[in-house]
Amino acid sequence: MTFFLTSEGSPFLLMIIENIIIISSFVFAGKSSLTIQFVEGQFVDSYDPTIENTFTKMITINGQEYHLQLVDTAGQDEYSIFPQTYSIDINGYILVYSVTSNKSFEVVQVIHEKLLDMVGKVQVPIMLVGNKNDLHMERVISCEEGKALAESWNAAFMESSAKENQTAVEVFRRMILEAEKMDGGVQPGKTSCSMM
């Protein structure tokens, strides 16, 4: 929680909610570009494949401040081991596939199965994101296929483009709202206190 002073000099308290979100996908599905677009507001077209990066970002939703810790995992494949640390104190999972890749759509399903094997029936929100929806001519996975998969998981779904800041922001905003909804109010994650 953070204390501020009003214009009259009276202190007031602002609660900042901390959330840890795991972002995972098959290689080259665009999860890192989506995350960087959200955090830094820029599109990164080419980069070295991710080993694991952690980003932080403050976001305000409905007047509530959220401090996000975003864990951008190494690109997964059907043989990757899902680290146990990805199940501890996590507030949400964003699983990303590319709408231009059947393989990424298959692997995101394997990632989901590994997640369930690790944590059991997930009591943490999952969001399925079909990325690269700006590449209309290269699309091989329909929006309906993505929606159907998300529904079978009881997960949220949306399509996005890492090239567009607005859709990147919306992915993370919706993830926070899903976490809030699952927690039954405005108490996802942990709160932190600091004096200002």
C-alpha atoms as a PDB file:
ATOM      1  CA  MET A   1       0.000   0.000   0.000  1.00  0.00           C
ATOM      2  CA  THR A   2       1.161   3.483  -0.718  1.00  0.00           C
ATOM      3  CA  PHE A   3       0.261   6.611   1.250  1.00  0.00           C
ATOM      4  CA  PHE A   4      -0.299   9.905  -0.547  1.00  0.00           C
ATOM      5  CA  LEU A   5      -1.283  13.341   0.688  1.00  0.00           C
ATOM      6  CA  THR A   6      -4.404  15.100  -0.507  1.00  0.00           C
ATOM      7  CA  SER A   7      -4.224  18.781  -1.458  1.00  0.00           C
ATOM      8  CA  GLU A   8      -5.340  19.522   2.119  1.00  0.00           C
ATOM      9  CA  GLY A   9      -2.393  17.557   3.508  1.00  0.00           C
ATOM     10  CA  SER A  10      -4.421  14.571   4.750  1.00  0.00           C
ATOM     11  CA  PRO A  11      -2.912  11.175   4.034  1.00  0.00           C
ATOM     12  CA  PHE A  12      -4.815   8.617   2.012  1.00  0.00           C
ATOM     13  CA  LEU A  13      -3.983   5.044   1.245  1.00  0.00           C
ATOM     14  CA  LEU A  14      -3.609   3.516  -2.202  1.00  0.00           C
ATOM     15  CA  MET A  15      -3.561  -0.265  -2.364  1.00  0.00           C
ATOM     16  CA  ILE A  16      -1.361  -1.670  -5.105  1.00  0.00           C
ATOM     17  CA  ILE A  17      -2.119  -5.258  -6.030  1.00  0.00           C
ATOM     18  CA  GLU A  18       0.768  -7.428  -7.162  1.00  0.00           C
ATOM     19  CA  ASN A  19       0.211 -10.111  -9.793  1.00  0.00           C
ATOM     20  CA  ILE A  20       2.582 -12.631 -11.333  1.00  0.00           C
ATOM     21  CA  ILE A  21       1.602 -13.731 -14.832  1.00  0.00           C
ATOM     22  CA  ILE A  22       3.275 -16.477 -16.872  1.00  0.00           C
ATOM     23  CA  ILE A  23       3.321 -16.012 -20.670  1.00  0.00           C
ATOM     24  CA  SER A  24       4.103 -19.200 -22.575  1.00  0.00           C
ATOM     25  CA  SER A  25       4.000 -20.426 -26.176  1.00  0.00           C
ATOM     26  CA  PHE A  26       5.695 -22.416 -28.896  1.00  0.00           C
ATOM     27  CA  VAL A  27       8.766 -20.711 -30.376  1.00  0.00           C
ATOM     28  CA  PHE A  28       8.061 -17.793 -32.722  1.00  0.00           C
ATOM     29  CA  ALA A  29       4.391 -17.426 -31.753  1.00  0.00           C
ATOM     30  CA  GLY A  30       5.089 -13.809 -30.784  1.00  0.00           C
ATOM     31  CA  LYS A  31       4.694 -13.979 -26.992  1.00  0.00           C
ATOM     32  CA  SER A  32       7.845 -11.929 -26.376  1.00  0.00           C
ATOM     33  CA  SER A  33       6.845  -9.310 -28.959  1.00  0.00           C
ATOM     34  CA  LEU A  34       3.384  -9.122 -27.371  1.00  0.00           C
ATOM     35  CA  THR A  35       4.902  -8.689 -23.908  1.00  0.00           C
ATOM     36  CA  ILE A  36       7.427  -6.057 -25.052  1.00  0.00           C
ATOM     37  CA  GLN A  37       4.671  -4.171 -26.877  1.00  0.00           C
ATOM     38  CA  PHE A  38       2.680  -4.059 -23.625  1.00  0.00           C
ATOM     39  CA  VAL A  39       5.615  -3.150 -21.372  1.00  0.00           C
ATOM     40  CA  GLU A  40       7.580  -0.786 -23.631  1.00  0.00           C
ATOM     41  CA  GLY A  41       5.019   0.272 -26.241  1.00  0.00           C
ATOM     42  CA  GLN A  42       7.148  -0.848 -29.170  1.00  0.00           C
ATOM     43  CA  PHE A  43       7.060  -3.701 -31.648  1.00  0.00           C
ATOM     44  CA  VAL A  44      10.187  -5.842 -31.837  1.00  0.00           C
ATOM     45  CA  ASP A  45      10.165  -7.764 -35.106  1.00  0.00           C
ATOM     46  CA  SER A  46      13.303  -9.831 -34.606  1.00  0.00           C
ATOM     47  CA  TYR A  47      15.102 -10.885 -31.472  1.00  0.00           C
ATOM     48  CA  ASP A  48      17.003 -13.821 -30.041  1.00  0.00           C
ATOM     49  CA  PRO A  49      14.728 -16.615 -28.828  1.00  0.00           C
ATOM     50  CA  THR A  50      13.796 -16.123 -25.204  1.00  0.00           C
ATOM     51  CA  ILE A  51      15.466 -18.139 -22.469  1.00  0.00           C
ATOM     52  CA  GLU A  52      13.330 -16.460 -19.825  1.00  0.00           C
ATOM     53  CA  ASN A  53      12.735 -12.784 -19.200  1.00  0.00           C
ATOM     54  CA  THR A  54      10.868 -11.070 -16.415  1.00  0.00           C
ATOM     55  CA  PHE A  55       9.264  -7.681 -16.971  1.00  0.00           C
ATOM     56  CA  THR A  56       7.445  -5.398 -14.564  1.00  0.00           C
ATOM     57  CA  LYS A  57       4.727  -2.921 -15.368  1.00  0.00           C
ATOM     58  CA  MET A  58       2.229  -0.807 -13.449  1.00  0.00           C
ATOM     59  CA  ILE A  59      -1.274  -0.636 -14.879  1.00  0.00           C
ATOM     60  CA  THR A  60      -4.459   1.001 -13.631  1.00  0.00           C
ATOM     61  CA  ILE A  61      -7.768  -0.766 -14.226  1.00  0.00           C
ATOM     62  CA  ASN A  62     -11.026   0.709 -12.959  1.00  0.00           C
ATOM     63  CA  GLY A  63      -9.088   3.011 -10.632  1.00  0.00           C
ATOM     64  CA  GLN A  64      -7.092   0.154  -9.079  1.00  0.00           C
ATOM     65  CA  GLU A  65      -3.294   0.074  -9.410  1.00  0.00           C
ATOM     66  CA  TYR A  66      -1.701  -3.253 -10.331  1.00  0.00           C
ATOM     67  CA  HIS A  67       1.994  -4.059 -10.234  1.00  0.00           C
ATOM     68  CA  LEU A  68       2.550  -6.847 -12.752  1.00  0.00           C
ATOM     69  CA  GLN A  69       5.474  -9.214 -12.842  1.00  0.00           C
ATOM     70  CA  LEU A  70       5.407 -10.831 -16.283  1.00  0.00           C
ATOM     71  CA  VAL A  71       7.432 -13.999 -16.776  1.00  0.00           C
ATOM     72  CA  ASP A  72       8.123 -14.475 -20.489  1.00  0.00           C
ATOM     73  CA  THR A  73       9.085 -18.147 -20.629  1.00  0.00           C
ATOM     74  CA  ALA A  74      11.433 -19.857 -23.031  1.00  0.00           C
ATOM     75  CA  GLY A  75       9.638 -20.999 -26.168  1.00  0.00           C
ATOM     76  CA  GLN A  76       8.117 -24.396 -25.448  1.00  0.00           C
ATOM     77  CA  ASP A  77       7.722 -27.498 -27.554  1.00  0.00           C
ATOM     78  CA  GLU A  78       6.015 -30.806 -26.922  1.00  0.00           C
ATOM     79  CA  TYR A  79       9.156 -32.098 -25.148  1.00  0.00           C
ATOM     80  CA  SER A  80       9.830 -29.091 -22.918  1.00  0.00           C
ATOM     81  CA  ILE A  81       9.633 -29.485 -19.172  1.00  0.00           C
ATOM     82  CA  PHE A  82       7.348 -26.980 -17.492  1.00  0.00           C
ATOM     83  CA  PRO A  83       9.344 -25.735 -14.449  1.00  0.00           C
ATOM     84  CA  GLN A  84       7.674 -26.236 -11.060  1.00  0.00           C
ATOM     85  CA  THR A  85       8.344 -22.570 -10.238  1.00  0.00           C
ATOM     86  CA  TYR A  86       5.685 -21.688 -12.818  1.00  0.00           C
ATOM     87  CA  SER A  87       3.059 -23.029 -10.410  1.00  0.00           C
ATOM     88  CA  ILE A  88       3.974 -21.117  -7.241  1.00  0.00           C
ATOM     89  CA  ASP A  89       2.159 -17.857  -6.391  1.00  0.00           C
ATOM     90  CA  ILE A  90       1.024 -17.367  -9.986  1.00  0.00           C
ATOM     91  CA  ASN A  91      -2.042 -15.200 -10.637  1.00  0.00           C
ATOM     92  CA  GLY A  92      -2.612 -16.069 -14.285  1.00  0.00           C
ATOM     93  CA  TYR A  93      -1.360 -17.829 -17.382  1.00  0.00           C
ATOM     94  CA  ILE A  94      -1.391 -16.393 -20.887  1.00  0.00           C
ATOM     95  CA  LEU A  95      -0.906 -19.146 -23.460  1.00  0.00           C
ATOM     96  CA  VAL A  96      -0.096 -17.772 -26.910  1.00  0.00           C
ATOM     97  CA  TYR A  97      -0.236 -19.374 -30.338  1.00  0.00           C
ATOM     98  CA  SER A  98       0.250 -17.895 -33.783  1.00  0.00           C
ATOM     99  CA  VAL A  99      -2.824 -17.902 -36.035  1.00  0.00           C
ATOM    100  CA  THR A 100      -0.336 -18.564 -38.864  1.00  0.00           C
ATOM    101  CA  SER A 101       0.997 -21.834 -37.416  1.00  0.00           C
ATOM    102  CA  ASN A 102      -0.738 -25.171 -36.920  1.00  0.00           C
ATOM    103  CA  LYS A 103       2.284 -26.351 -34.923  1.00  0.00           C
ATOM    104  CA  SER A 104       1.989 -23.506 -32.409  1.00  0.00           C
ATOM    105  CA  PHE A 105      -1.732 -24.301 -32.002  1.00  0.00           C
ATOM    106  CA  GLU A 106      -0.872 -27.956 -31.313  1.00  0.00           C
ATOM    107  CA  VAL A 107       1.925 -27.094 -28.882  1.00  0.00           C
ATOM    108  CA  VAL A 108      -0.191 -24.610 -26.911  1.00  0.00           C
ATOM    109  CA  GLN A 109      -2.523 -27.539 -26.188  1.00  0.00           C
ATOM    110  CA  VAL A 110       0.453 -29.583 -24.940  1.00  0.00           C
ATOM    111  CA  ILE A 111       1.526 -26.643 -22.752  1.00  0.00           C
ATOM    112  CA  HIS A 112      -1.980 -26.525 -21.285  1.00  0.00           C
ATOM    113  CA  GLU A 113      -1.866 -30.272 -20.539  1.00  0.00           C
ATOM    114  CA  LYS A 114       1.532 -29.894 -18.842  1.00  0.00           C
ATOM    115  CA  LEU A 115       0.150 -27.028 -16.795  1.00  0.00           C
ATOM    116  CA  LEU A 116      -2.770 -29.190 -15.657  1.00  0.00           C
ATOM    117  CA  ASP A 117      -0.411 -32.083 -14.869  1.00  0.00           C
ATOM    118  CA  MET A 118       1.692 -29.761 -12.727  1.00  0.00           C
ATOM    119  CA  VAL A 119      -0.996 -27.876 -10.808  1.00  0.00           C
ATOM    120  CA  GLY A 120      -4.063 -30.093 -11.143  1.00  0.00           C
ATOM    121  CA  LYS A 121      -7.340 -28.473 -12.037  1.00  0.00           C
ATOM    122  CA  VAL A 122      -6.167 -24.928 -12.415  1.00  0.00           C
ATOM    123  CA  GLN A 123      -7.750 -22.497  -9.969  1.00  0.00           C
ATOM    124  CA  VAL A 124      -5.818 -19.716 -11.647  1.00  0.00           C
ATOM    125  CA  PRO A 125      -7.188 -18.014 -14.753  1.00  0.00           C
ATOM    126  CA  ILE A 126      -5.889 -19.017 -18.146  1.00  0.00           C
ATOM    127  CA  MET A 127      -6.163 -16.862 -21.226  1.00  0.00           C
ATOM    128  CA  LEU A 128      -5.631 -18.259 -24.706  1.00  0.00           C
ATOM    129  CA  VAL A 129      -4.335 -15.674 -27.174  1.00  0.00           C
ATOM    130  CA  GLY A 130      -4.251 -16.127 -30.941  1.00  0.00           C
ATOM    131  CA  ASN A 131      -1.422 -13.796 -31.947  1.00  0.00           C
ATOM    132  CA  LYS A 132      -0.438 -12.357 -35.354  1.00  0.00           C
ATOM    133  CA  ASN A 133      -4.054 -11.751 -36.409  1.00  0.00           C
ATOM    134  CA  ASP A 134      -2.790  -8.938 -38.642  1.00  0.00           C
ATOM    135  CA  LEU A 135      -1.308 -11.558 -41.016  1.00  0.00           C
ATOM    136  CA  HIS A 136      -4.622 -12.294 -42.761  1.00  0.00           C
ATOM    137  CA  MET A 137      -3.123 -13.967 -45.832  1.00  0.00           C
ATOM    138  CA  GLU A 138      -1.056 -16.375 -43.725  1.00  0.00           C
ATOM    139  CA  ARG A 139      -3.818 -17.372 -41.288  1.00  0.00           C
ATOM    140  CA  VAL A 140      -4.342 -21.131 -40.865  1.00  0.00           C
ATOM    141  CA  ILE A 141      -6.165 -21.177 -37.490  1.00  0.00           C
ATOM    142  CA  SER A 142      -9.604 -19.554 -37.523  1.00  0.00           C
ATOM    143  CA  CYS A 143     -10.870 -17.372 -34.714  1.00  0.00           C
ATOM    144  CA  GLU A 144     -13.627 -19.952 -34.154  1.00  0.00           C
ATOM    145  CA  GLU A 145     -11.037 -22.714 -33.599  1.00  0.00           C
ATOM    146  CA  GLY A 146      -9.300 -20.605 -30.964  1.00  0.00           C
ATOM    147  CA  LYS A 147     -12.589 -19.774 -29.244  1.00  0.00           C
ATOM    148  CA  ALA A 148     -13.632 -23.434 -29.213  1.00  0.00           C
ATOM    149  CA  LEU A 149     -10.327 -24.499 -27.660  1.00  0.00           C
ATOM    150  CA  ALA A 150     -10.554 -21.785 -24.990  1.00  0.00           C
ATOM    151  CA  GLU A 151     -14.134 -22.797 -24.186  1.00  0.00           C
ATOM    152  CA  SER A 152     -13.064 -26.433 -23.786  1.00  0.00           C
ATOM    153  CA  TRP A 153     -10.512 -25.227 -21.211  1.00  0.00           C
ATOM    154  CA  ASN A 154     -12.982 -22.828 -19.566  1.00  0.00           C
ATOM    155  CA  ALA A 155     -10.467 -20.100 -20.406  1.00  0.00           C
ATOM    156  CA  ALA A 156     -10.730 -16.546 -21.699  1.00  0.00           C
ATOM    157  CA  PHE A 157      -9.860 -15.985 -25.357  1.00  0.00           C
ATOM    158  CA  MET A 158      -8.883 -13.168 -27.644  1.00  0.00           C
ATOM    159  CA  GLU A 159      -6.856 -12.571 -30.766  1.00  0.00           C
ATOM    160  CA  SER A 160      -4.162  -9.941 -30.954  1.00  0.00           C
ATOM    161  CA  SER A 161      -1.332  -8.472 -32.937  1.00  0.00           C
ATOM    162  CA  ALA A 162       1.943  -7.647 -31.218  1.00  0.00           C
ATOM    163  CA  LYS A 163       2.273  -4.826 -33.767  1.00  0.00           C
ATOM    164  CA  GLU A 164      -0.672  -2.994 -32.185  1.00  0.00           C
ATOM    165  CA  ASN A 165      -0.234  -1.566 -28.701  1.00  0.00           C
ATOM    166  CA  GLN A 166      -3.977  -1.421 -28.090  1.00  0.00           C
ATOM    167  CA  THR A 167      -4.486  -5.185 -28.466  1.00  0.00           C
ATOM    168  CA  ALA A 168      -1.363  -5.959 -26.416  1.00  0.00           C
ATOM    169  CA  VAL A 169      -2.665  -3.787 -23.574  1.00  0.00           C
ATOM    170  CA  GLU A 170      -6.089  -5.417 -23.858  1.00  0.00           C
ATOM    171  CA  VAL A 171      -4.596  -8.923 -23.470  1.00  0.00           C
ATOM    172  CA  PHE A 172      -3.036  -8.035 -20.121  1.00  0.00           C
ATOM    173  CA  ARG A 173      -5.984  -5.923 -18.980  1.00  0.00           C
ATOM    174  CA  ARG A 174      -8.340  -8.842 -19.618  1.00  0.00           C
ATOM    175  CA  MET A 175      -5.985 -11.216 -17.812  1.00  0.00           C
ATOM    176  CA  ILE A 176      -6.122  -8.997 -14.718  1.00  0.00           C
ATOM    177  CA  LEU A 177      -9.922  -8.821 -14.919  1.00  0.00           C
ATOM    178  CA  GLU A 178     -10.080 -12.631 -15.202  1.00  0.00           C
ATOM    179  CA  ALA A 179      -7.872 -12.980 -12.115  1.00  0.00           C
ATOM    180  CA  GLU A 180     -10.030 -10.476 -10.263  1.00  0.00           C
ATOM    181  CA  LYS A 181     -13.209 -12.308 -11.279  1.00  0.00           C
ATOM    182  CA  MET A 182     -11.826 -15.675 -10.179  1.00  0.00           C
ATOM    183  CA  ASP A 183     -10.771 -14.225  -6.829  1.00  0.00           C
ATOM    184  CA  GLY A 184     -14.249 -12.816  -6.316  1.00  0.00           C
ATOM    185  CA  GLY A 185     -13.348  -9.165  -6.289  1.00  0.00           C
ATOM    186  CA  VAL A 186     -10.436  -6.832  -6.157  1.00  0.00           C
ATOM    187  CA  GLN A 187      -8.069  -9.112  -4.297  1.00  0.00           C
ATOM    188  CA  PRO A 188      -5.948 -11.016  -6.804  1.00  0.00           C
ATOM    189  CA  GLY A 189      -2.333 -11.451  -5.928  1.00  0.00           C
ATOM    190  CA  LYS A 190      -0.644  -9.938  -2.950  1.00  0.00           C
ATOM    191  CA  THR A 191      -0.625  -6.371  -1.790  1.00  0.00           C
ATOM    192  CA  SER A 192       2.499  -4.432  -1.044  1.00  0.00           C
ATOM    193  CA  CYS A 193       2.955  -1.504   1.284  1.00  0.00           C
ATOM    194  CA  SER A 194       5.281   1.430   0.896  1.00  0.00           C
ATOM    195  CA  MET A 195       5.399   4.927   2.366  1.00  0.00           C
ATOM    196  CA  MET A 196       5.764   7.924   0.095  1.00  0.00           C
END
